[in-house]
Amino acid sequence: EILDSHRLFKTAESYLPTALLLQDAPALFAQSPMHLSHDQILQILLQSLDAVSHLHQVGYLHGDLKPQHFRLHHKKCYLIDFEQTALFQQLQPHHSATPHYMAPELFHAEAKSIQSDIYALGIIWLEWLTQQRLREKSYLDWAYLHCQHLKVQLPAQFFMLDALLTGMLHKIKSQRLADIYEIKQRLTEFV
């Protein structure tokens, strides 16, 4: 067991030279979209997609996306907090995530997937665009909301994103948008 922790430390140590320390990095979703131009909103959404896409392209799921995990550094978006991150080929049935952003299938103990990251990103976008945080009192209430009653209702100025968000937040995983590339394609239609 000591040997395993020593190996783990050595592995983590090998990544330190390439690590990016983001001291006091502002949150990507800090500004209200109500005070931003169409182009600025689109840029923020695309930056969040790029950050998640880069992680997926190297074979990892984040597994616990939240608004505070998207940080800006020199006008580029970076993800932080990789505690729940896993390689695609090492995915196990769901053990933990934040119920606030959990995809419906995770409440049924399915393994995390690209679609569960997409669902969490959809919740982040929904809350940011509406400037209303979803609030539930218990794990069971979150399960009920995500599995049965979540509805996409955007303010009028963002109505053109309604179908896209609905596709990201579909309750049935197989009917959710397939990947970040598909979301980007649909998002760029609004340029």
N, C-alpha and C. Protein backbone atom coordinates (compact mmCIF):
# COMPACT_ATOMS: atom_id res chain seq x y z
N GLU A 1 0.83 -1.19 0.00
CA GLU A 1 0.00 0.00 0.00
C GLU A 1 0.87 1.25 0.00
N ILE A 2 1.98 1.23 0.75
CA ILE A 2 2.89 2.37 0.74
C ILE A 2 3.51 2.52 -0.63
N LEU A 3 3.86 1.40 -1.25
CA LEU A 3 4.44 1.44 -2.59
C LEU A 3 3.46 2.05 -3.59
N ASP A 4 2.18 1.69 -3.50
CA ASP A 4 1.18 2.24 -4.40
C ASP A 4 1.05 3.75 -4.24
N SER A 5 1.03 4.23 -3.00
CA SER A 5 0.92 5.67 -2.80
C SER A 5 2.18 6.37 -3.26
N HIS A 6 3.35 5.72 -3.12
CA HIS A 6 4.60 6.29 -3.61
C HIS A 6 4.55 6.40 -5.15
N ARG A 7 4.09 5.35 -5.82
CA ARG A 7 3.94 5.39 -7.29
C ARG A 7 2.97 6.48 -7.71
N LEU A 8 1.88 6.59 -6.99
CA LEU A 8 0.88 7.61 -7.30
C LEU A 8 1.50 9.00 -7.18
N PHE A 9 2.28 9.23 -6.11
CA PHE A 9 2.93 10.52 -5.93
C PHE A 9 3.91 10.79 -7.07
N LYS A 10 4.69 9.78 -7.47
CA LYS A 10 5.66 9.94 -8.56
C LYS A 10 4.93 10.25 -9.88
N THR A 11 3.80 9.60 -10.12
CA THR A 11 3.02 9.86 -11.33
C THR A 11 2.50 11.29 -11.31
N ALA A 12 1.93 11.71 -10.20
CA ALA A 12 1.42 13.08 -10.09
C ALA A 12 2.56 14.08 -10.24
N GLU A 13 3.72 13.76 -9.64
CA GLU A 13 4.89 14.64 -9.72
C GLU A 13 5.35 14.83 -11.16
N SER A 14 5.21 13.80 -11.99
CA SER A 14 5.65 13.91 -13.38
C SER A 14 4.78 14.88 -14.18
N TYR A 15 3.56 15.15 -13.71
CA TYR A 15 2.69 16.09 -14.40
C TYR A 15 2.90 17.54 -13.95
N LEU A 16 3.57 17.74 -12.84
CA LEU A 16 3.74 19.10 -12.32
C LEU A 16 4.38 20.07 -13.31
N PRO A 17 5.41 19.68 -14.07
CA PRO A 17 5.99 20.65 -15.01
C PRO A 17 5.01 21.14 -16.07
N THR A 18 3.98 20.35 -16.38
CA THR A 18 3.01 20.76 -17.39
C THR A 18 1.73 21.29 -16.77
N ALA A 19 1.64 21.30 -15.45
CA ALA A 19 0.43 21.78 -14.78
C ALA A 19 0.32 23.29 -14.92
N LEU A 20 -0.90 23.76 -14.90
CA LEU A 20 -1.16 25.19 -14.98
C LEU A 20 -1.79 25.61 -13.66
N LEU A 21 -1.13 26.50 -12.96
CA LEU A 21 -1.67 27.01 -11.71
C LEU A 21 -2.49 28.25 -12.02
N LEU A 22 -3.74 28.24 -11.63
CA LEU A 22 -4.65 29.33 -11.96
C LEU A 22 -5.04 30.10 -10.71
N GLN A 23 -4.08 30.73 -10.10
CA GLN A 23 -4.35 31.51 -8.91
C GLN A 23 -5.22 32.70 -9.27
N ASP A 24 -6.32 32.85 -8.56
CA ASP A 24 -7.25 33.97 -8.77
C ASP A 24 -7.75 34.08 -10.20
N ALA A 25 -7.90 32.97 -10.89
CA ALA A 25 -8.43 32.98 -12.25
C ALA A 25 -9.93 33.21 -12.19
N PRO A 26 -10.44 34.16 -12.97
CA PRO A 26 -11.88 34.43 -12.93
C PRO A 26 -12.70 33.27 -13.50
N ALA A 27 -13.91 33.15 -13.03
CA ALA A 27 -14.82 32.11 -13.52
C ALA A 27 -15.34 32.50 -14.89
N LEU A 28 -15.46 31.53 -15.78
CA LEU A 28 -15.96 31.77 -17.13
C LEU A 28 -17.39 32.31 -17.11
N PHE A 29 -18.21 31.78 -16.23
CA PHE A 29 -19.63 32.14 -16.19
C PHE A 29 -19.95 33.22 -15.15
N ALA A 30 -18.96 34.05 -14.82
CA ALA A 30 -19.15 35.06 -13.77
C ALA A 30 -20.07 36.20 -14.20
N GLN A 31 -20.00 36.61 -15.45
CA GLN A 31 -20.82 37.73 -15.92
C GLN A 31 -22.21 37.27 -16.32
N SER A 32 -23.19 38.07 -16.02
CA SER A 32 -24.56 37.77 -16.45
C SER A 32 -24.66 37.91 -17.97
N PRO A 33 -25.29 36.94 -18.63
CA PRO A 33 -25.45 37.06 -20.08
C PRO A 33 -26.39 38.19 -20.48
N MET A 34 -27.17 38.68 -19.54
CA MET A 34 -28.12 39.76 -19.82
C MET A 34 -27.39 41.05 -20.21
N HIS A 35 -26.12 41.17 -19.82
CA HIS A 35 -25.34 42.38 -20.09
C HIS A 35 -24.27 42.16 -21.16
N LEU A 36 -24.35 41.04 -21.86
CA LEU A 36 -23.36 40.71 -22.88
C LEU A 36 -23.98 40.73 -24.27
N SER A 37 -23.16 40.94 -25.25
CA SER A 37 -23.63 40.89 -26.64
C SER A 37 -23.83 39.44 -27.06
N HIS A 38 -24.52 39.26 -28.16
CA HIS A 38 -24.74 37.94 -28.74
C HIS A 38 -23.40 37.24 -28.98
N ASP A 39 -22.43 37.98 -29.53
CA ASP A 39 -21.11 37.41 -29.82
C ASP A 39 -20.36 37.03 -28.55
N GLN A 40 -20.47 37.82 -27.50
CA GLN A 40 -19.81 37.50 -26.22
C GLN A 40 -20.40 36.24 -25.60
N ILE A 41 -21.71 36.11 -25.66
CA ILE A 41 -22.38 34.91 -25.13
C ILE A 41 -21.93 33.68 -25.91
N LEU A 42 -21.94 33.79 -27.22
CA LEU A 42 -21.51 32.68 -28.07
C LEU A 42 -20.06 32.30 -27.75
N GLN A 43 -19.20 33.28 -27.55
CA GLN A 43 -17.79 33.03 -27.23
C GLN A 43 -17.65 32.27 -25.91
N ILE A 44 -18.41 32.63 -24.91
CA ILE A 44 -18.35 31.94 -23.61
C ILE A 44 -18.84 30.50 -23.75
N LEU A 45 -19.92 30.29 -24.48
CA LEU A 45 -20.43 28.93 -24.67
C LEU A 45 -19.41 28.09 -25.43
N LEU A 46 -18.81 28.66 -26.47
CA LEU A 46 -17.80 27.93 -27.24
C LEU A 46 -16.56 27.63 -26.40
N GLN A 47 -16.15 28.57 -25.55
CA GLN A 47 -15.00 28.32 -24.68
C GLN A 47 -15.27 27.15 -23.74
N SER A 48 -16.48 27.08 -23.21
CA SER A 48 -16.79 25.96 -22.31
C SER A 48 -16.78 24.64 -23.09
N LEU A 49 -17.27 24.66 -24.32
CA LEU A 49 -17.25 23.46 -25.15
C LEU A 49 -15.82 23.03 -25.46
N ASP A 50 -14.96 24.00 -25.78
CA ASP A 50 -13.56 23.68 -26.09
C ASP A 50 -12.87 23.03 -24.90
N ALA A 51 -13.10 23.54 -23.71
CA ALA A 51 -12.46 22.98 -22.52
C ALA A 51 -12.87 21.52 -22.31
N VAL A 52 -14.16 21.25 -22.43
CA VAL A 52 -14.65 19.87 -22.26
C VAL A 52 -14.17 19.00 -23.41
N SER A 53 -14.20 19.54 -24.62
CA SER A 53 -13.77 18.80 -25.80
C SER A 53 -12.31 18.36 -25.70
N HIS A 54 -11.45 19.25 -25.23
CA HIS A 54 -10.03 18.88 -25.09
C HIS A 54 -9.86 17.70 -24.14
N LEU A 55 -10.60 17.70 -23.07
CA LEU A 55 -10.52 16.59 -22.12
C LEU A 55 -11.02 15.30 -22.76
N HIS A 56 -12.15 15.37 -23.48
CA HIS A 56 -12.70 14.18 -24.15
C HIS A 56 -11.75 13.67 -25.23
N GLN A 57 -11.10 14.58 -25.95
CA GLN A 57 -10.20 14.17 -27.04
C GLN A 57 -9.00 13.37 -26.55
N VAL A 58 -8.60 13.60 -25.33
CA VAL A 58 -7.47 12.81 -24.79
C VAL A 58 -7.96 11.60 -24.00
N GLY A 59 -9.26 11.30 -24.11
CA GLY A 59 -9.79 10.06 -23.56
C GLY A 59 -10.31 10.11 -22.14
N TYR A 60 -10.60 11.32 -21.64
CA TYR A 60 -11.09 11.46 -20.26
C TYR A 60 -12.47 12.10 -20.21
N LEU A 61 -13.23 11.72 -19.19
CA LEU A 61 -14.46 12.41 -18.81
C LEU A 61 -14.15 13.23 -17.58
N HIS A 62 -14.77 14.39 -17.47
CA HIS A 62 -14.57 15.18 -16.26
C HIS A 62 -15.33 14.54 -15.09
N GLY A 63 -16.59 14.24 -15.33
CA GLY A 63 -17.38 13.51 -14.35
C GLY A 63 -18.01 14.33 -13.25
N ASP A 64 -17.68 15.62 -13.16
CA ASP A 64 -18.26 16.46 -12.10
C ASP A 64 -18.22 17.93 -12.52
N LEU A 65 -18.72 18.21 -13.72
CA LEU A 65 -18.71 19.59 -14.21
C LEU A 65 -19.64 20.47 -13.39
N LYS A 66 -19.14 21.66 -13.06
CA LYS A 66 -19.89 22.69 -12.33
C LYS A 66 -19.43 24.03 -12.88
N PRO A 67 -20.21 25.08 -12.73
CA PRO A 67 -19.79 26.38 -13.26
C PRO A 67 -18.43 26.83 -12.71
N GLN A 68 -18.17 26.58 -11.44
CA GLN A 68 -16.93 27.04 -10.84
C GLN A 68 -15.70 26.28 -11.33
N HIS A 69 -15.89 25.20 -12.09
CA HIS A 69 -14.76 24.44 -12.63
C HIS A 69 -14.26 25.00 -13.96
N PHE A 70 -14.92 26.00 -14.50
CA PHE A 70 -14.50 26.66 -15.75
C PHE A 70 -13.83 27.97 -15.38
N ARG A 71 -12.52 28.08 -15.66
CA ARG A 71 -11.74 29.26 -15.28
C ARG A 71 -11.05 29.87 -16.49
N LEU A 72 -10.90 31.17 -16.46
CA LEU A 72 -10.23 31.90 -17.53
C LEU A 72 -8.79 32.25 -17.14
N HIS A 73 -7.91 32.07 -18.09
CA HIS A 73 -6.51 32.46 -17.90
C HIS A 73 -6.01 32.94 -19.25
N HIS A 74 -5.63 34.22 -19.31
CA HIS A 74 -5.19 34.84 -20.57
C HIS A 74 -6.23 34.62 -21.67
N LYS A 75 -7.49 34.85 -21.32
CA LYS A 75 -8.64 34.78 -22.24
C LYS A 75 -8.91 33.38 -22.78
N LYS A 76 -8.34 32.36 -22.16
CA LYS A 76 -8.61 30.99 -22.55
C LYS A 76 -9.24 30.26 -21.38
N CYS A 77 -10.19 29.38 -21.67
CA CYS A 77 -10.91 28.65 -20.64
C CYS A 77 -10.18 27.34 -20.30
N TYR A 78 -10.07 27.08 -19.00
CA TYR A 78 -9.48 25.85 -18.50
C TYR A 78 -10.43 25.21 -17.49
N LEU A 79 -10.41 23.88 -17.46
CA LEU A 79 -11.16 23.15 -16.44
C LEU A 79 -10.27 22.93 -15.23
N ILE A 80 -10.89 22.88 -14.06
CA ILE A 80 -10.19 22.55 -12.83
C ILE A 80 -10.95 21.43 -12.12
N ASP A 81 -10.37 20.92 -11.06
CA ASP A 81 -10.96 19.91 -10.18
C ASP A 81 -11.22 18.60 -10.92
N PHE A 82 -10.20 17.78 -10.96
CA PHE A 82 -10.27 16.53 -11.70
C PHE A 82 -10.44 15.31 -10.79
N GLU A 83 -11.00 15.53 -9.61
CA GLU A 83 -11.16 14.44 -8.65
C GLU A 83 -12.02 13.29 -9.20
N GLN A 84 -13.04 13.61 -9.99
CA GLN A 84 -13.94 12.59 -10.53
C GLN A 84 -13.57 12.17 -11.96
N THR A 85 -12.50 12.73 -12.49
CA THR A 85 -12.09 12.46 -13.87
C THR A 85 -11.64 11.01 -14.02
N ALA A 86 -12.03 10.40 -15.15
CA ALA A 86 -11.65 9.01 -15.41
C ALA A 86 -11.44 8.79 -16.90
N LEU A 87 -10.58 7.84 -17.23
CA LEU A 87 -10.41 7.43 -18.62
C LEU A 87 -11.68 6.75 -19.09
N PHE A 88 -11.99 6.90 -20.37
CA PHE A 88 -13.19 6.27 -20.92
C PHE A 88 -13.19 4.76 -20.65
N GLN A 89 -12.05 4.10 -20.85
CA GLN A 89 -12.01 2.64 -20.70
C GLN A 89 -12.01 2.18 -19.25
N GLN A 90 -11.94 3.11 -18.30
CA GLN A 90 -11.94 2.74 -16.88
C GLN A 90 -13.23 3.15 -16.19
N LEU A 91 -14.25 3.46 -16.94
CA LEU A 91 -15.50 3.93 -16.34
C LEU A 91 -16.21 2.80 -15.63
N GLN A 92 -16.66 3.10 -14.45
CA GLN A 92 -17.37 2.16 -13.60
C GLN A 92 -18.79 2.69 -13.39
N PRO A 93 -19.70 1.84 -12.91
CA PRO A 93 -21.01 2.38 -12.55
C PRO A 93 -20.84 3.57 -11.61
N HIS A 94 -21.72 4.51 -11.74
CA HIS A 94 -21.64 5.79 -11.02
C HIS A 94 -21.54 5.59 -9.51
N HIS A 95 -20.58 6.30 -8.91
CA HIS A 95 -20.45 6.26 -7.46
C HIS A 95 -20.68 7.62 -6.83
N SER A 96 -20.20 8.69 -7.46
CA SER A 96 -20.41 9.99 -6.85
C SER A 96 -20.33 11.09 -7.90
N ALA A 97 -21.09 12.09 -7.67
CA ALA A 97 -21.11 13.32 -8.48
C ALA A 97 -22.00 14.29 -7.70
N THR A 98 -22.11 15.49 -8.19
CA THR A 98 -22.95 16.48 -7.54
C THR A 98 -24.37 16.34 -8.08
N PRO A 99 -25.35 15.99 -7.25
CA PRO A 99 -26.72 15.76 -7.73
C PRO A 99 -27.28 16.92 -8.54
N HIS A 100 -26.83 18.12 -8.23
CA HIS A 100 -27.30 19.31 -8.94
C HIS A 100 -27.07 19.20 -10.44
N TYR A 101 -25.99 18.55 -10.86
CA TYR A 101 -25.61 18.48 -12.27
C TYR A 101 -25.63 17.05 -12.83
N MET A 102 -26.19 16.12 -12.08
CA MET A 102 -26.17 14.71 -12.49
C MET A 102 -27.18 14.41 -13.58
N ALA A 103 -26.72 13.68 -14.58
CA ALA A 103 -27.60 13.21 -15.64
C ALA A 103 -28.54 12.15 -15.08
N PRO A 104 -29.75 12.03 -15.65
CA PRO A 104 -30.73 11.08 -15.13
C PRO A 104 -30.21 9.65 -14.98
N GLU A 105 -29.42 9.18 -15.95
CA GLU A 105 -28.94 7.79 -15.88
C GLU A 105 -28.02 7.55 -14.69
N LEU A 106 -27.38 8.59 -14.19
CA LEU A 106 -26.49 8.41 -13.04
C LEU A 106 -27.28 8.13 -11.76
N PHE A 107 -28.52 8.58 -11.71
CA PHE A 107 -29.38 8.26 -10.56
C PHE A 107 -29.78 6.79 -10.58
N HIS A 108 -29.56 6.12 -11.73
CA HIS A 108 -29.85 4.69 -11.86
C HIS A 108 -28.56 3.87 -11.85
N ALA A 109 -27.48 4.46 -11.33
CA ALA A 109 -26.19 3.80 -11.12
C ALA A 109 -25.51 3.36 -12.42
N GLU A 110 -25.81 4.03 -13.54
CA GLU A 110 -25.08 3.75 -14.78
C GLU A 110 -23.72 4.43 -14.72
N ALA A 111 -22.81 3.99 -15.56
CA ALA A 111 -21.49 4.60 -15.64
C ALA A 111 -21.59 5.99 -16.25
N LYS A 112 -20.69 6.86 -15.84
CA LYS A 112 -20.61 8.19 -16.45
C LYS A 112 -20.20 8.02 -17.91
N SER A 113 -20.53 9.01 -18.72
CA SER A 113 -20.26 8.94 -20.16
C SER A 113 -20.10 10.35 -20.71
N ILE A 114 -19.79 10.44 -21.98
CA ILE A 114 -19.75 11.74 -22.64
C ILE A 114 -21.10 12.42 -22.46
N GLN A 115 -22.19 11.66 -22.57
CA GLN A 115 -23.52 12.23 -22.43
C GLN A 115 -23.78 12.77 -21.03
N SER A 116 -23.18 12.18 -20.00
CA SER A 116 -23.37 12.73 -18.65
C SER A 116 -22.61 14.05 -18.49
N ASP A 117 -21.43 14.17 -19.13
CA ASP A 117 -20.73 15.47 -19.15
C ASP A 117 -21.56 16.50 -19.93
N ILE A 118 -22.14 16.07 -21.04
CA ILE A 118 -22.97 16.99 -21.84
C ILE A 118 -24.17 17.45 -21.04
N TYR A 119 -24.80 16.55 -20.32
CA TYR A 119 -25.96 16.92 -19.50
C TYR A 119 -25.56 17.96 -18.44
N ALA A 120 -24.45 17.71 -17.75
CA ALA A 120 -23.99 18.66 -16.72
C ALA A 120 -23.71 20.02 -17.35
N LEU A 121 -23.08 20.04 -18.52
CA LEU A 121 -22.82 21.31 -19.20
C LEU A 121 -24.13 21.99 -19.59
N GLY A 122 -25.11 21.22 -19.99
CA GLY A 122 -26.43 21.78 -20.30
C GLY A 122 -27.07 22.45 -19.09
N ILE A 123 -26.95 21.84 -17.93
CA ILE A 123 -27.49 22.44 -16.70
C ILE A 123 -26.74 23.74 -16.40
N ILE A 124 -25.43 23.74 -16.56
CA ILE A 124 -24.63 24.95 -16.34
C ILE A 124 -25.11 26.07 -17.27
N TRP A 125 -25.27 25.76 -18.54
CA TRP A 125 -25.74 26.76 -19.51
C TRP A 125 -27.14 27.25 -19.17
N LEU A 126 -28.04 26.32 -18.82
CA LEU A 126 -29.41 26.68 -18.48
C LEU A 126 -29.43 27.67 -17.32
N GLU A 127 -28.70 27.37 -16.28
CA GLU A 127 -28.67 28.27 -15.12
C GLU A 127 -28.04 29.62 -15.46
N TRP A 128 -27.00 29.59 -16.27
CA TRP A 128 -26.33 30.84 -16.63
C TRP A 128 -27.23 31.70 -17.51
N LEU A 129 -27.86 31.11 -18.50
CA LEU A 129 -28.70 31.88 -19.43
C LEU A 129 -29.98 32.40 -18.76
N THR A 130 -30.50 31.65 -17.80
CA THR A 130 -31.72 32.10 -17.10
C THR A 130 -31.38 32.92 -15.87
N GLN A 131 -30.13 32.84 -15.42
CA GLN A 131 -29.70 33.48 -14.18
C GLN A 131 -30.55 33.02 -13.00
N GLN A 132 -30.93 31.75 -13.06
CA GLN A 132 -31.69 31.13 -11.97
C GLN A 132 -31.07 29.79 -11.63
N ARG A 133 -30.70 29.65 -10.40
CA ARG A 133 -30.09 28.40 -9.94
C ARG A 133 -31.19 27.41 -9.58
N LEU A 134 -31.04 26.19 -10.06
CA LEU A 134 -31.98 25.13 -9.68
C LEU A 134 -31.78 24.84 -8.20
N ARG A 135 -32.87 24.63 -7.49
CA ARG A 135 -32.78 24.39 -6.04
C ARG A 135 -33.69 23.22 -5.67
N GLU A 136 -33.09 22.25 -5.06
CA GLU A 136 -33.84 21.12 -4.51
C GLU A 136 -33.30 20.85 -3.11
N LYS A 137 -34.07 20.12 -2.32
CA LYS A 137 -33.70 19.94 -0.91
C LYS A 137 -32.99 18.63 -0.62
N SER A 138 -33.20 17.62 -1.44
CA SER A 138 -32.62 16.32 -1.12
C SER A 138 -32.19 15.61 -2.40
N TYR A 139 -31.43 14.55 -2.20
CA TYR A 139 -30.99 13.72 -3.32
C TYR A 139 -32.21 13.21 -4.10
N LEU A 140 -33.23 12.79 -3.38
CA LEU A 140 -34.45 12.29 -4.02
C LEU A 140 -35.13 13.39 -4.84
N ASP A 141 -35.16 14.61 -4.32
CA ASP A 141 -35.73 15.74 -5.07
C ASP A 141 -34.94 16.01 -6.35
N TRP A 142 -33.59 15.92 -6.27
CA TRP A 142 -32.77 16.11 -7.47
C TRP A 142 -33.06 15.01 -8.48
N ALA A 143 -33.17 13.79 -8.01
CA ALA A 143 -33.47 12.66 -8.91
C ALA A 143 -34.81 12.88 -9.61
N TYR A 144 -35.80 13.29 -8.86
CA TYR A 144 -37.13 13.56 -9.41
C TYR A 144 -37.07 14.66 -10.47
N LEU A 145 -36.33 15.73 -10.17
CA LEU A 145 -36.21 16.84 -11.13
C LEU A 145 -35.53 16.37 -12.42
N HIS A 146 -34.34 15.77 -12.29
CA HIS A 146 -33.56 15.40 -13.48
C HIS A 146 -34.19 14.25 -14.26
N CYS A 147 -34.81 13.31 -13.58
CA CYS A 147 -35.35 12.13 -14.26
C CYS A 147 -36.76 12.35 -14.81
N GLN A 148 -37.50 13.35 -14.28
CA GLN A 148 -38.89 13.47 -14.69
C GLN A 148 -39.36 14.88 -15.05
N HIS A 149 -38.86 15.90 -14.37
CA HIS A 149 -39.54 17.19 -14.49
C HIS A 149 -38.74 18.38 -15.00
N LEU A 150 -37.50 18.18 -15.38
CA LEU A 150 -36.71 19.32 -15.85
C LEU A 150 -37.26 19.83 -17.17
N LYS A 151 -37.47 21.13 -17.25
CA LYS A 151 -37.96 21.76 -18.48
C LYS A 151 -37.03 22.91 -18.85
N VAL A 152 -36.74 23.02 -20.13
CA VAL A 152 -35.92 24.13 -20.63
C VAL A 152 -36.84 25.28 -20.96
N GLN A 153 -36.67 26.39 -20.24
CA GLN A 153 -37.45 27.60 -20.50
C GLN A 153 -36.48 28.78 -20.43
N LEU A 154 -36.03 29.21 -21.60
CA LEU A 154 -35.06 30.29 -21.67
C LEU A 154 -35.75 31.63 -21.82
N PRO A 155 -35.10 32.71 -21.37
CA PRO A 155 -35.64 34.06 -21.63
C PRO A 155 -35.77 34.28 -23.14
N ALA A 156 -36.65 35.16 -23.52
CA ALA A 156 -36.96 35.39 -24.94
C ALA A 156 -35.71 35.67 -25.78
N GLN A 157 -34.75 36.44 -25.24
CA GLN A 157 -33.57 36.78 -26.03
C GLN A 157 -32.66 35.57 -26.31
N PHE A 158 -32.87 34.46 -25.61
CA PHE A 158 -32.06 33.26 -25.83
C PHE A 158 -32.89 32.11 -26.40
N PHE A 159 -34.09 32.40 -26.84
CA PHE A 159 -35.00 31.34 -27.31
C PHE A 159 -34.38 30.50 -28.43
N MET A 160 -33.51 31.12 -29.26
CA MET A 160 -32.91 30.38 -30.36
C MET A 160 -32.04 29.22 -29.87
N LEU A 161 -31.65 29.22 -28.60
CA LEU A 161 -30.83 28.15 -28.03
C LEU A 161 -31.68 27.06 -27.36
N ASP A 162 -32.99 27.23 -27.38
CA ASP A 162 -33.90 26.31 -26.70
C ASP A 162 -33.75 24.87 -27.20
N ALA A 163 -33.75 24.66 -28.51
CA ALA A 163 -33.66 23.30 -29.06
C ALA A 163 -32.31 22.68 -28.74
N LEU A 164 -31.25 23.47 -28.80
CA LEU A 164 -29.92 22.98 -28.48
C LEU A 164 -29.85 22.50 -27.03
N LEU A 165 -30.33 23.34 -26.11
CA LEU A 165 -30.31 22.96 -24.69
C LEU A 165 -31.21 21.76 -24.43
N THR A 166 -32.33 21.71 -25.09
CA THR A 166 -33.23 20.55 -24.93
C THR A 166 -32.51 19.28 -25.37
N GLY A 167 -31.73 19.36 -26.45
CA GLY A 167 -30.96 18.20 -26.90
C GLY A 167 -29.85 17.80 -25.94
N MET A 168 -29.26 18.77 -25.27
CA MET A 168 -28.21 18.48 -24.29
C MET A 168 -28.80 17.90 -23.01
N LEU A 169 -30.05 18.25 -22.72
CA LEU A 169 -30.68 17.87 -21.45
C LEU A 169 -31.76 16.79 -21.61
N HIS A 170 -31.72 16.08 -22.72
CA HIS A 170 -32.73 15.03 -22.91
C HIS A 170 -32.59 14.00 -21.80
N LYS A 171 -33.70 13.58 -21.25
CA LYS A 171 -33.69 12.64 -20.13
C LYS A 171 -33.15 11.27 -20.52
N ILE A 172 -33.37 10.88 -21.77
CA ILE A 172 -32.91 9.57 -22.25
C ILE A 172 -31.53 9.76 -22.89
N LYS A 173 -30.54 9.11 -22.33
CA LYS A 173 -29.15 9.30 -22.75
C LYS A 173 -28.96 9.07 -24.25
N SER A 174 -29.57 8.04 -24.80
CA SER A 174 -29.39 7.72 -26.22
C SER A 174 -30.00 8.78 -27.14
N GLN A 175 -30.87 9.62 -26.61
CA GLN A 175 -31.49 10.68 -27.42
C GLN A 175 -30.86 12.05 -27.16
N ARG A 176 -29.90 12.09 -26.24
CA ARG A 176 -29.15 13.32 -25.96
C ARG A 176 -28.17 13.56 -27.10
N LEU A 177 -27.72 14.79 -27.28
CA LEU A 177 -26.73 15.07 -28.31
C LEU A 177 -25.51 14.18 -28.10
N ALA A 178 -24.93 13.72 -29.19
CA ALA A 178 -23.92 12.67 -29.15
C ALA A 178 -22.58 13.09 -28.57
N ASP A 179 -22.13 14.30 -28.94
CA ASP A 179 -20.80 14.71 -28.50
C ASP A 179 -20.65 16.22 -28.61
N ILE A 180 -19.50 16.72 -28.19
CA ILE A 180 -19.24 18.15 -28.18
C ILE A 180 -19.22 18.71 -29.61
N TYR A 181 -18.71 17.94 -30.55
CA TYR A 181 -18.67 18.38 -31.95
C TYR A 181 -20.08 18.70 -32.45
N GLU A 182 -21.04 17.83 -32.16
CA GLU A 182 -22.42 18.07 -32.59
C GLU A 182 -22.99 19.33 -31.95
N ILE A 183 -22.69 19.56 -30.69
CA ILE A 183 -23.17 20.77 -30.02
C ILE A 183 -22.55 22.00 -30.67
N LYS A 184 -21.25 21.95 -30.95
CA LYS A 184 -20.57 23.08 -31.60
C LYS A 184 -21.20 23.38 -32.96
N GLN A 185 -21.48 22.33 -33.73
CA GLN A 185 -22.09 22.52 -35.04
C GLN A 185 -23.42 23.24 -34.91
N ARG A 186 -24.24 22.82 -33.97
CA ARG A 186 -25.55 23.44 -33.78
C ARG A 186 -25.42 24.86 -33.24
N LEU A 187 -24.46 25.07 -32.35
CA LEU A 187 -24.26 26.39 -31.77
C LEU A 187 -23.80 27.40 -32.81
N THR A 188 -22.93 26.98 -33.72
CA THR A 188 -22.42 27.90 -34.74
C THR A 188 -23.50 28.27 -35.77
N GLU A 189 -24.58 27.56 -35.79
CA GLU A 189 -25.71 27.93 -36.66
C GLU A 189 -26.33 29.25 -36.23
N PHE A 190 -26.09 29.66 -34.98
CA PHE A 190 -26.68 30.89 -34.45
C PHE A 190 -25.79 32.11 -34.65
N VAL A 191 -24.67 31.94 -35.34
CA VAL A 191 -23.74 33.05 -35.54
C VAL A 191 -24.35 34.08 -36.47
